[in-house]
Amino acid sequence: MDGSDTTPVAAQSAPFEARALRTALGSFVTGVTVVTAQDRFGKPHGLTANSFNTVSLDPPLVLWSQSRQASSYHVFRESEVFAVSILAEHQIDISNNFASHKEDKFEGVSVDRTFCSLPVIADSSAWLYCRMVSCVDGGDHAIYIGEILKIAHNERPPLIFGGGRYLQARPHYATRGAGAAAASDGVLVESLHH
């Protein structure tokens, strides 16, 4: 494969049940984000996404996916920009709120409108403002790829999700001793370059 194959994947019956697939995929722990955009009338839309991931450091690219059945699918599909709030561990209620079917998910939520042209969730761990680069067919989901235009972050621990529940990120016991953290720092980041 030369990397230019964009043939849609045909829907077909899998040799396993959907619930078994969800359980297996739940073994992969992810961060939790709220992705926002505005419709053509300037109304903000947002949703919780744990499908967020890094694509490239140079150029700085990220991706996330959205169900084609989502009520805001056409808003994101037509948007030229989007913002990502990487939620902090205290923001479970915000994650649940933006994962709901509420009409106005921003009601009662503290947002920041000074970071970029889109609302981002206040007190999150990090924020990214992205230009939509492409949308790729991903079966029952659309995969959005964005170029990061602006970033901000702080020291708040991120909210994480795995096994169907929210979790907290803590240092692994093997990195707790004197000098242990230095031996492992950056190993995963370095592997992204190879």
N, C-alpha and C. Protein backbone atom coordinates (compact mmCIF):
# COMPACT_ATOMS: atom_id res chain seq x y z
N MET A 1 0.84 -1.18 0.00
CA MET A 1 0.00 0.00 0.00
C MET A 1 0.89 1.24 0.00
N ASP A 2 0.60 2.19 -0.86
CA ASP A 2 1.45 3.36 -1.00
C ASP A 2 1.00 4.56 -0.17
N GLY A 3 -0.03 4.39 0.65
CA GLY A 3 -0.50 5.48 1.51
C GLY A 3 -1.53 6.36 0.84
N SER A 4 -1.81 6.14 -0.45
CA SER A 4 -2.79 6.99 -1.13
C SER A 4 -4.12 6.28 -1.30
N ASP A 5 -4.28 5.09 -0.74
CA ASP A 5 -5.51 4.33 -0.86
C ASP A 5 -6.58 4.94 0.03
N THR A 6 -7.65 5.43 -0.57
CA THR A 6 -8.75 6.00 0.21
C THR A 6 -10.04 5.28 -0.12
N THR A 7 -9.96 4.02 -0.56
CA THR A 7 -11.13 3.23 -0.87
C THR A 7 -11.94 3.00 0.39
N PRO A 8 -13.25 3.31 0.37
CA PRO A 8 -14.08 3.09 1.55
C PRO A 8 -14.10 1.61 1.94
N VAL A 9 -14.14 1.35 3.22
CA VAL A 9 -14.22 -0.01 3.72
C VAL A 9 -15.67 -0.44 3.67
N ALA A 10 -15.93 -1.58 3.05
CA ALA A 10 -17.30 -2.08 2.92
C ALA A 10 -17.77 -2.63 4.26
N ALA A 11 -19.04 -2.34 4.58
CA ALA A 11 -19.62 -2.90 5.80
C ALA A 11 -19.85 -4.38 5.58
N GLN A 12 -19.45 -5.19 6.54
CA GLN A 12 -19.65 -6.63 6.43
C GLN A 12 -19.79 -7.21 7.82
N SER A 13 -20.37 -8.37 7.88
CA SER A 13 -20.52 -9.04 9.17
C SER A 13 -19.16 -9.47 9.67
N ALA A 14 -18.90 -9.19 10.92
CA ALA A 14 -17.63 -9.58 11.53
C ALA A 14 -17.80 -10.95 12.18
N PRO A 15 -16.70 -11.69 12.36
CA PRO A 15 -16.78 -13.01 12.97
C PRO A 15 -16.88 -12.95 14.50
N PHE A 16 -17.31 -11.82 15.04
CA PHE A 16 -17.46 -11.65 16.49
C PHE A 16 -18.62 -10.69 16.73
N GLU A 17 -19.13 -10.71 17.94
CA GLU A 17 -20.26 -9.85 18.29
C GLU A 17 -19.78 -8.44 18.61
N ALA A 18 -20.65 -7.46 18.38
CA ALA A 18 -20.31 -6.06 18.63
C ALA A 18 -19.92 -5.84 20.09
N ARG A 19 -20.60 -6.50 21.01
CA ARG A 19 -20.28 -6.32 22.43
C ARG A 19 -18.87 -6.83 22.75
N ALA A 20 -18.49 -7.95 22.15
CA ALA A 20 -17.14 -8.49 22.37
C ALA A 20 -16.10 -7.53 21.81
N LEU A 21 -16.40 -6.91 20.67
CA LEU A 21 -15.48 -5.94 20.09
C LEU A 21 -15.33 -4.73 21.01
N ARG A 22 -16.45 -4.22 21.53
CA ARG A 22 -16.39 -3.07 22.45
C ARG A 22 -15.57 -3.41 23.69
N THR A 23 -15.75 -4.59 24.22
CA THR A 23 -15.00 -5.00 25.41
C THR A 23 -13.51 -5.08 25.11
N ALA A 24 -13.16 -5.66 23.99
CA ALA A 24 -11.74 -5.76 23.62
C ALA A 24 -11.14 -4.37 23.40
N LEU A 25 -11.84 -3.51 22.68
CA LEU A 25 -11.33 -2.16 22.42
C LEU A 25 -11.26 -1.33 23.70
N GLY A 26 -12.12 -1.66 24.68
CA GLY A 26 -12.10 -0.97 25.96
C GLY A 26 -10.82 -1.20 26.74
N SER A 27 -10.04 -2.19 26.34
CA SER A 27 -8.74 -2.44 26.98
C SER A 27 -7.73 -1.37 26.63
N PHE A 28 -8.00 -0.62 25.57
CA PHE A 28 -7.11 0.46 25.17
C PHE A 28 -7.56 1.73 25.88
N VAL A 29 -6.75 2.24 26.77
CA VAL A 29 -7.09 3.43 27.56
C VAL A 29 -6.81 4.68 26.74
N THR A 30 -7.73 5.63 26.81
CA THR A 30 -7.60 6.87 26.03
C THR A 30 -7.80 8.08 26.92
N GLY A 31 -7.44 9.23 26.40
CA GLY A 31 -7.82 10.48 27.01
C GLY A 31 -9.26 10.79 26.62
N VAL A 32 -9.80 11.85 27.19
CA VAL A 32 -11.17 12.26 26.88
C VAL A 32 -11.14 13.71 26.44
N THR A 33 -11.77 14.00 25.31
CA THR A 33 -11.78 15.35 24.77
C THR A 33 -13.20 15.82 24.52
N VAL A 34 -13.36 17.13 24.45
CA VAL A 34 -14.57 17.74 23.90
C VAL A 34 -14.12 18.50 22.68
N VAL A 35 -14.72 18.18 21.54
CA VAL A 35 -14.39 18.84 20.28
C VAL A 35 -15.51 19.81 19.95
N THR A 36 -15.15 21.04 19.57
CA THR A 36 -16.15 22.06 19.28
C THR A 36 -15.96 22.66 17.89
N ALA A 37 -17.06 23.14 17.35
CA ALA A 37 -17.07 23.85 16.07
C ALA A 37 -18.31 24.74 16.08
N GLN A 38 -18.45 25.56 15.07
CA GLN A 38 -19.64 26.40 14.93
C GLN A 38 -20.31 26.11 13.61
N ASP A 39 -21.65 26.18 13.61
CA ASP A 39 -22.36 26.02 12.35
C ASP A 39 -22.31 27.33 11.57
N ARG A 40 -22.89 27.36 10.40
CA ARG A 40 -22.80 28.54 9.53
C ARG A 40 -23.52 29.76 10.10
N PHE A 41 -24.34 29.55 11.14
CA PHE A 41 -25.03 30.66 11.79
C PHE A 41 -24.28 31.14 13.04
N GLY A 42 -23.15 30.53 13.34
CA GLY A 42 -22.35 30.91 14.50
C GLY A 42 -22.72 30.20 15.78
N LYS A 43 -23.65 29.24 15.71
CA LYS A 43 -24.05 28.49 16.91
C LYS A 43 -22.98 27.43 17.22
N PRO A 44 -22.50 27.38 18.48
CA PRO A 44 -21.48 26.39 18.83
C PRO A 44 -22.08 24.99 18.98
N HIS A 45 -21.30 24.00 18.59
CA HIS A 45 -21.66 22.59 18.75
C HIS A 45 -20.46 21.89 19.36
N GLY A 46 -20.73 20.88 20.17
CA GLY A 46 -19.64 20.15 20.79
C GLY A 46 -20.03 18.72 21.10
N LEU A 47 -19.03 17.88 21.22
CA LEU A 47 -19.27 16.48 21.56
C LEU A 47 -18.05 15.90 22.26
N THR A 48 -18.29 14.87 23.04
CA THR A 48 -17.20 14.15 23.70
C THR A 48 -16.61 13.15 22.72
N ALA A 49 -15.29 13.11 22.65
CA ALA A 49 -14.61 12.16 21.76
C ALA A 49 -13.40 11.58 22.47
N ASN A 50 -13.34 10.26 22.55
CA ASN A 50 -12.13 9.63 23.07
C ASN A 50 -11.36 8.96 21.94
N SER A 51 -11.77 9.23 20.71
CA SER A 51 -11.07 8.71 19.53
C SER A 51 -9.93 9.61 19.10
N PHE A 52 -9.67 10.65 19.85
CA PHE A 52 -8.63 11.63 19.53
C PHE A 52 -7.24 10.99 19.58
N ASN A 53 -6.37 11.38 18.64
CA ASN A 53 -5.01 10.84 18.63
C ASN A 53 -4.08 11.75 17.82
N THR A 54 -2.79 11.59 18.06
CA THR A 54 -1.76 12.29 17.29
C THR A 54 -1.52 11.56 15.99
N VAL A 55 -1.36 12.31 14.90
CA VAL A 55 -1.01 11.73 13.61
C VAL A 55 0.45 12.01 13.30
N SER A 56 0.86 13.28 13.47
CA SER A 56 2.20 13.70 13.07
C SER A 56 2.65 14.87 13.92
N LEU A 57 3.95 14.93 14.19
CA LEU A 57 4.51 16.08 14.90
C LEU A 57 4.98 17.16 13.92
N ASP A 58 5.35 16.75 12.71
CA ASP A 58 5.81 17.71 11.70
C ASP A 58 5.32 17.28 10.32
N PRO A 59 4.22 17.87 9.83
CA PRO A 59 3.48 18.96 10.44
C PRO A 59 2.65 18.45 11.63
N PRO A 60 2.24 19.35 12.52
CA PRO A 60 1.47 18.94 13.69
C PRO A 60 0.03 18.58 13.30
N LEU A 61 -0.27 17.28 13.26
CA LEU A 61 -1.59 16.81 12.86
C LEU A 61 -2.20 15.93 13.94
N VAL A 62 -3.51 16.03 14.10
CA VAL A 62 -4.27 15.19 15.01
C VAL A 62 -5.46 14.61 14.26
N LEU A 63 -6.08 13.60 14.85
CA LEU A 63 -7.31 13.05 14.27
C LEU A 63 -8.29 12.73 15.37
N TRP A 64 -9.54 12.63 14.98
CA TRP A 64 -10.61 12.15 15.85
C TRP A 64 -11.72 11.66 14.93
N SER A 65 -12.63 10.86 15.47
CA SER A 65 -13.70 10.34 14.64
C SER A 65 -15.06 10.63 15.26
N GLN A 66 -16.07 10.62 14.38
CA GLN A 66 -17.44 10.94 14.79
C GLN A 66 -18.40 10.02 14.04
N SER A 67 -19.39 9.54 14.74
CA SER A 67 -20.43 8.74 14.10
C SER A 67 -21.15 9.57 13.04
N ARG A 68 -21.41 8.95 11.91
CA ARG A 68 -22.16 9.65 10.85
C ARG A 68 -23.61 9.87 11.26
N GLN A 69 -24.05 9.20 12.32
CA GLN A 69 -25.42 9.35 12.81
C GLN A 69 -25.54 10.47 13.85
N ALA A 70 -24.44 11.06 14.25
CA ALA A 70 -24.47 12.12 15.27
C ALA A 70 -25.23 13.33 14.74
N SER A 71 -25.98 13.96 15.61
CA SER A 71 -26.78 15.13 15.20
C SER A 71 -25.91 16.27 14.69
N SER A 72 -24.67 16.35 15.15
CA SER A 72 -23.78 17.44 14.73
C SER A 72 -22.83 17.02 13.60
N TYR A 73 -23.06 15.86 13.00
CA TYR A 73 -22.16 15.37 11.95
C TYR A 73 -21.95 16.39 10.84
N HIS A 74 -23.03 16.96 10.33
CA HIS A 74 -22.90 17.90 9.20
C HIS A 74 -22.20 19.19 9.61
N VAL A 75 -22.34 19.59 10.86
CA VAL A 75 -21.64 20.79 11.34
C VAL A 75 -20.13 20.57 11.25
N PHE A 76 -19.65 19.46 11.80
CA PHE A 76 -18.21 19.19 11.78
C PHE A 76 -17.73 18.86 10.37
N ARG A 77 -18.54 18.17 9.61
CA ARG A 77 -18.14 17.80 8.24
C ARG A 77 -17.93 19.04 7.37
N GLU A 78 -18.69 20.09 7.61
CA GLU A 78 -18.61 21.30 6.80
C GLU A 78 -17.70 22.37 7.40
N SER A 79 -17.22 22.15 8.62
CA SER A 79 -16.41 23.16 9.30
C SER A 79 -14.99 23.21 8.76
N GLU A 80 -14.44 24.41 8.72
CA GLU A 80 -13.04 24.58 8.29
C GLU A 80 -12.07 24.53 9.46
N VAL A 81 -12.59 24.70 10.68
CA VAL A 81 -11.77 24.66 11.89
C VAL A 81 -12.52 23.92 13.00
N PHE A 82 -11.77 23.42 13.97
CA PHE A 82 -12.37 22.84 15.16
C PHE A 82 -11.40 23.05 16.32
N ALA A 83 -11.92 22.98 17.53
CA ALA A 83 -11.10 23.11 18.74
C ALA A 83 -11.24 21.84 19.57
N VAL A 84 -10.16 21.48 20.24
CA VAL A 84 -10.15 20.29 21.08
C VAL A 84 -9.79 20.72 22.50
N SER A 85 -10.64 20.37 23.45
CA SER A 85 -10.35 20.56 24.88
C SER A 85 -10.01 19.18 25.44
N ILE A 86 -8.78 19.00 25.90
CA ILE A 86 -8.39 17.74 26.52
C ILE A 86 -8.79 17.85 27.99
N LEU A 87 -9.83 17.10 28.36
CA LEU A 87 -10.43 17.27 29.68
C LEU A 87 -9.49 16.87 30.81
N ALA A 88 -9.64 17.58 31.93
CA ALA A 88 -8.90 17.28 33.16
C ALA A 88 -9.69 16.27 33.98
N GLU A 89 -9.01 15.62 34.92
CA GLU A 89 -9.62 14.51 35.66
C GLU A 89 -10.85 14.91 36.46
N HIS A 90 -11.04 16.18 36.76
CA HIS A 90 -12.21 16.61 37.52
C HIS A 90 -13.41 16.91 36.62
N GLN A 91 -13.32 16.68 35.31
CA GLN A 91 -14.36 17.10 34.37
C GLN A 91 -15.22 15.95 33.84
N ILE A 92 -15.49 14.96 34.68
CA ILE A 92 -16.35 13.85 34.29
C ILE A 92 -17.74 14.34 33.91
N ASP A 93 -18.31 15.26 34.69
CA ASP A 93 -19.65 15.78 34.38
C ASP A 93 -19.69 16.45 33.02
N ILE A 94 -18.63 17.16 32.67
CA ILE A 94 -18.57 17.82 31.36
C ILE A 94 -18.49 16.77 30.25
N SER A 95 -17.70 15.74 30.45
CA SER A 95 -17.63 14.66 29.47
C SER A 95 -19.01 14.03 29.26
N ASN A 96 -19.69 13.71 30.35
CA ASN A 96 -21.03 13.12 30.25
C ASN A 96 -22.01 14.07 29.58
N ASN A 97 -21.91 15.35 29.90
CA ASN A 97 -22.80 16.35 29.32
C ASN A 97 -22.66 16.40 27.79
N PHE A 98 -21.42 16.46 27.31
CA PHE A 98 -21.20 16.57 25.86
C PHE A 98 -21.38 15.24 25.14
N ALA A 99 -21.49 14.14 25.90
CA ALA A 99 -21.81 12.84 25.31
C ALA A 99 -23.32 12.61 25.26
N SER A 100 -24.08 13.51 25.86
CA SER A 100 -25.54 13.36 25.93
C SER A 100 -26.20 13.86 24.65
N HIS A 101 -27.52 13.72 24.63
CA HIS A 101 -28.32 14.21 23.49
C HIS A 101 -29.00 15.53 23.81
N LYS A 102 -28.49 16.26 24.81
CA LYS A 102 -29.08 17.55 25.17
C LYS A 102 -29.05 18.50 23.98
N GLU A 103 -30.05 19.34 23.89
CA GLU A 103 -30.12 20.32 22.80
C GLU A 103 -29.00 21.35 22.93
N ASP A 104 -28.83 21.93 24.13
CA ASP A 104 -27.77 22.93 24.34
C ASP A 104 -26.76 22.37 25.33
N LYS A 105 -25.72 21.77 24.82
CA LYS A 105 -24.70 21.16 25.68
C LYS A 105 -23.82 22.19 26.37
N PHE A 106 -23.86 23.44 25.92
CA PHE A 106 -23.03 24.49 26.51
C PHE A 106 -23.71 25.17 27.70
N GLU A 107 -25.00 24.91 27.89
CA GLU A 107 -25.73 25.54 28.99
C GLU A 107 -25.12 25.15 30.34
N GLY A 108 -24.73 26.16 31.12
CA GLY A 108 -24.15 25.93 32.44
C GLY A 108 -22.70 25.49 32.44
N VAL A 109 -22.07 25.42 31.28
CA VAL A 109 -20.67 24.99 31.18
C VAL A 109 -19.78 26.22 31.04
N SER A 110 -18.73 26.27 31.82
CA SER A 110 -17.79 27.39 31.76
C SER A 110 -16.87 27.19 30.55
N VAL A 111 -16.94 28.15 29.62
CA VAL A 111 -16.11 28.07 28.42
C VAL A 111 -15.20 29.29 28.33
N ASP A 112 -14.14 29.13 27.57
CA ASP A 112 -13.20 30.22 27.30
C ASP A 112 -13.35 30.59 25.84
N ARG A 113 -13.54 31.86 25.57
CA ARG A 113 -13.67 32.33 24.19
C ARG A 113 -12.50 33.23 23.79
N THR A 114 -11.45 33.26 24.63
CA THR A 114 -10.29 34.09 24.30
C THR A 114 -9.17 33.29 23.64
N PHE A 115 -9.20 31.96 23.76
CA PHE A 115 -8.14 31.12 23.20
C PHE A 115 -8.16 31.12 21.67
N CYS A 116 -9.35 31.01 21.10
CA CYS A 116 -9.50 30.98 19.64
C CYS A 116 -10.90 31.44 19.29
N SER A 117 -11.28 31.31 18.04
CA SER A 117 -12.59 31.77 17.59
C SER A 117 -13.72 30.84 18.02
N LEU A 118 -13.39 29.71 18.60
CA LEU A 118 -14.38 28.73 19.04
C LEU A 118 -14.36 28.61 20.56
N PRO A 119 -15.49 28.23 21.16
CA PRO A 119 -15.47 28.02 22.60
C PRO A 119 -14.70 26.76 22.97
N VAL A 120 -13.88 26.85 24.01
CA VAL A 120 -13.19 25.68 24.56
C VAL A 120 -13.60 25.56 26.02
N ILE A 121 -13.46 24.37 26.57
CA ILE A 121 -13.89 24.11 27.94
C ILE A 121 -12.86 24.66 28.92
N ALA A 122 -13.32 25.55 29.80
CA ALA A 122 -12.44 26.16 30.81
C ALA A 122 -11.90 25.08 31.75
N ASP A 123 -10.70 25.32 32.29
CA ASP A 123 -10.07 24.46 33.29
C ASP A 123 -9.70 23.07 32.78
N SER A 124 -9.59 22.89 31.47
CA SER A 124 -9.17 21.60 30.91
C SER A 124 -7.66 21.45 31.05
N SER A 125 -7.13 20.31 30.67
CA SER A 125 -5.68 20.06 30.73
C SER A 125 -4.94 20.73 29.59
N ALA A 126 -5.58 20.79 28.41
CA ALA A 126 -4.94 21.39 27.24
C ALA A 126 -6.00 21.75 26.21
N TRP A 127 -5.60 22.63 25.30
CA TRP A 127 -6.51 23.07 24.23
C TRP A 127 -5.74 23.12 22.92
N LEU A 128 -6.41 22.74 21.84
CA LEU A 128 -5.82 22.80 20.50
C LEU A 128 -6.82 23.47 19.57
N TYR A 129 -6.33 24.35 18.74
CA TYR A 129 -7.16 24.97 17.70
C TYR A 129 -6.63 24.44 16.38
N CYS A 130 -7.50 23.86 15.57
CA CYS A 130 -7.07 23.13 14.38
C CYS A 130 -7.81 23.56 13.11
N ARG A 131 -7.07 23.50 12.02
CA ARG A 131 -7.65 23.69 10.69
C ARG A 131 -7.98 22.31 10.14
N MET A 132 -9.20 22.15 9.63
CA MET A 132 -9.60 20.86 9.07
C MET A 132 -8.78 20.60 7.81
N VAL A 133 -8.06 19.50 7.79
CA VAL A 133 -7.24 19.13 6.63
C VAL A 133 -7.99 18.17 5.72
N SER A 134 -8.62 17.17 6.33
CA SER A 134 -9.39 16.22 5.53
C SER A 134 -10.36 15.44 6.39
N CYS A 135 -11.30 14.82 5.70
CA CYS A 135 -12.26 13.92 6.32
C CYS A 135 -12.19 12.61 5.54
N VAL A 136 -11.95 11.52 6.25
CA VAL A 136 -11.75 10.22 5.62
C VAL A 136 -12.89 9.30 6.03
N ASP A 137 -13.36 8.49 5.08
CA ASP A 137 -14.39 7.51 5.38
C ASP A 137 -13.83 6.47 6.34
N GLY A 138 -14.57 6.21 7.40
CA GLY A 138 -14.16 5.20 8.37
C GLY A 138 -15.32 4.29 8.73
N GLY A 139 -15.98 3.73 7.73
CA GLY A 139 -17.13 2.87 7.98
C GLY A 139 -18.30 3.69 8.48
N ASP A 140 -18.80 3.37 9.69
CA ASP A 140 -19.93 4.13 10.23
C ASP A 140 -19.48 5.43 10.89
N HIS A 141 -18.20 5.75 10.81
CA HIS A 141 -17.65 6.99 11.35
C HIS A 141 -16.93 7.79 10.28
N ALA A 142 -16.82 9.08 10.51
CA ALA A 142 -15.97 9.95 9.70
C ALA A 142 -14.72 10.22 10.52
N ILE A 143 -13.57 10.17 9.89
CA ILE A 143 -12.30 10.43 10.57
C ILE A 143 -11.81 11.80 10.12
N TYR A 144 -11.73 12.73 11.07
CA TYR A 144 -11.29 14.09 10.77
C TYR A 144 -9.80 14.23 11.09
N ILE A 145 -9.08 14.85 10.18
CA ILE A 145 -7.66 15.14 10.41
C ILE A 145 -7.50 16.65 10.41
N GLY A 146 -6.86 17.17 11.45
CA GLY A 146 -6.67 18.60 11.58
C GLY A 146 -5.23 18.99 11.81
N GLU A 147 -4.86 20.14 11.27
CA GLU A 147 -3.53 20.71 11.51
C GLU A 147 -3.63 21.64 12.70
N ILE A 148 -2.78 21.45 13.69
CA ILE A 148 -2.81 22.28 14.89
C ILE A 148 -2.25 23.66 14.56
N LEU A 149 -3.05 24.69 14.85
CA LEU A 149 -2.65 26.07 14.61
C LEU A 149 -2.21 26.78 15.89
N LYS A 150 -2.76 26.33 17.02
CA LYS A 150 -2.50 27.00 18.30
C LYS A 150 -2.69 25.99 19.42
N ILE A 151 -1.85 26.09 20.47
CA ILE A 151 -1.97 25.19 21.62
C ILE A 151 -1.85 25.97 22.92
N ALA A 152 -2.39 25.40 23.97
CA ALA A 152 -2.20 25.89 25.34
C ALA A 152 -2.37 24.68 26.26
N HIS A 153 -1.63 24.66 27.37
CA HIS A 153 -1.79 23.57 28.32
C HIS A 153 -1.38 24.04 29.71
N ASN A 154 -1.71 23.22 30.70
CA ASN A 154 -1.36 23.51 32.09
C ASN A 154 -1.00 22.21 32.78
N GLU A 155 -0.91 22.22 34.07
CA GLU A 155 -0.47 21.03 34.82
C GLU A 155 -1.61 20.18 35.36
N ARG A 156 -2.85 20.44 34.93
CA ARG A 156 -3.96 19.63 35.44
C ARG A 156 -3.86 18.20 34.89
N PRO A 157 -3.96 17.18 35.74
CA PRO A 157 -3.92 15.80 35.25
C PRO A 157 -5.11 15.54 34.32
N PRO A 158 -4.90 14.79 33.24
CA PRO A 158 -5.98 14.54 32.29
C PRO A 158 -6.96 13.49 32.78
N LEU A 159 -8.18 13.58 32.28
CA LEU A 159 -9.19 12.55 32.49
C LEU A 159 -8.91 11.44 31.48
N ILE A 160 -8.98 10.19 31.94
CA ILE A 160 -8.77 9.09 31.01
C ILE A 160 -9.94 8.11 31.09
N PHE A 161 -10.07 7.28 30.07
CA PHE A 161 -11.20 6.36 29.95
C PHE A 161 -10.72 5.01 29.44
N GLY A 162 -11.19 3.95 30.07
CA GLY A 162 -10.84 2.60 29.63
C GLY A 162 -11.71 1.59 30.33
N GLY A 163 -11.98 0.49 29.66
CA GLY A 163 -12.82 -0.55 30.26
C GLY A 163 -14.22 -0.09 30.57
N GLY A 164 -14.70 0.92 29.83
CA GLY A 164 -16.05 1.41 30.03
C GLY A 164 -16.23 2.33 31.22
N ARG A 165 -15.12 2.86 31.76
CA ARG A 165 -15.25 3.76 32.92
C ARG A 165 -14.14 4.81 32.91
N TYR A 166 -14.36 5.86 33.68
CA TYR A 166 -13.36 6.91 33.82
C TYR A 166 -12.27 6.45 34.78
N LEU A 167 -11.05 6.88 34.49
CA LEU A 167 -9.89 6.51 35.30
C LEU A 167 -9.05 7.75 35.56
N GLN A 168 -8.09 7.62 36.47
CA GLN A 168 -7.14 8.69 36.74
C GLN A 168 -5.75 8.25 36.32
N ALA A 169 -5.00 9.17 35.77
CA ALA A 169 -3.63 8.88 35.34
C ALA A 169 -2.68 9.09 36.51
N ARG A 170 -1.91 8.08 36.80
CA ARG A 170 -0.90 8.17 37.86
C ARG A 170 0.39 7.57 37.34
N PRO A 171 1.54 8.01 37.84
CA PRO A 171 2.81 7.43 37.40
C PRO A 171 2.87 5.93 37.70
N HIS A 172 3.44 5.19 36.79
CA HIS A 172 3.62 3.75 36.96
C HIS A 172 4.60 3.50 38.10
N TYR A 173 4.38 2.44 38.87
CA TYR A 173 5.26 2.16 40.01
C TYR A 173 6.72 2.04 39.60
N ALA A 174 7.01 1.59 38.39
CA ALA A 174 8.39 1.41 37.96
C ALA A 174 9.11 2.74 37.73
N THR A 175 8.36 3.83 37.68
CA THR A 175 8.98 5.13 37.46
C THR A 175 9.03 5.97 38.72
N ARG A 176 8.72 5.37 39.89
CA ARG A 176 8.63 6.16 41.12
C ARG A 176 9.94 6.34 41.86
N GLY A 177 10.92 5.52 41.69
CA GLY A 177 12.16 5.62 42.45
C GLY A 177 13.05 6.73 41.95
N ALA A 178 14.08 7.04 42.74
CA ALA A 178 15.05 8.06 42.34
C ALA A 178 15.71 7.64 41.04
N GLY A 179 15.68 8.51 40.07
CA GLY A 179 16.31 8.24 38.78
C GLY A 179 15.47 7.40 37.84
N ALA A 180 14.41 6.75 38.34
CA ALA A 180 13.60 5.89 37.48
C ALA A 180 12.86 6.69 36.42
N ALA A 181 12.34 7.85 36.79
CA ALA A 181 11.60 8.64 35.81
C ALA A 181 12.52 9.10 34.69
N ALA A 182 13.73 9.48 35.04
CA ALA A 182 14.66 9.95 34.01
C ALA A 182 14.98 8.85 33.02
N ALA A 183 15.02 7.60 33.48
CA ALA A 183 15.35 6.49 32.59
C ALA A 183 14.24 6.22 31.59
N SER A 184 13.00 6.55 31.93
CA SER A 184 11.90 6.25 31.02
C SER A 184 11.32 7.47 30.34
N ASP A 185 11.66 8.66 30.78
CA ASP A 185 11.11 9.87 30.18
C ASP A 185 11.39 9.91 28.69
N GLY A 186 10.36 10.17 27.92
CA GLY A 186 10.54 10.39 26.50
C GLY A 186 10.66 9.15 25.65
N VAL A 187 10.66 7.96 26.23
CA VAL A 187 10.83 6.75 25.43
C VAL A 187 9.69 6.60 24.44
N LEU A 188 8.45 6.77 24.89
CA LEU A 188 7.31 6.65 23.99
C LEU A 188 7.31 7.77 22.96
N VAL A 189 7.61 8.98 23.38
CA VAL A 189 7.66 10.10 22.45
C VAL A 189 8.71 9.85 21.38
N GLU A 190 9.88 9.35 21.78
CA GLU A 190 10.94 9.06 20.82
C GLU A 190 10.51 8.01 19.82
N SER A 191 9.69 7.04 20.26
CA SER A 191 9.27 5.98 19.34
C SER A 191 8.36 6.52 18.24
N LEU A 192 7.75 7.65 18.45
CA LEU A 192 6.92 8.26 17.42
C LEU A 192 7.74 8.74 16.24
N HIS A 193 9.02 8.96 16.45
CA HIS A 193 9.89 9.45 15.39
C HIS A 193 10.46 8.32 14.53
N HIS A 194 10.25 7.07 14.93
CA HIS A 194 10.84 5.93 14.20
C HIS A 194 9.81 5.17 13.42
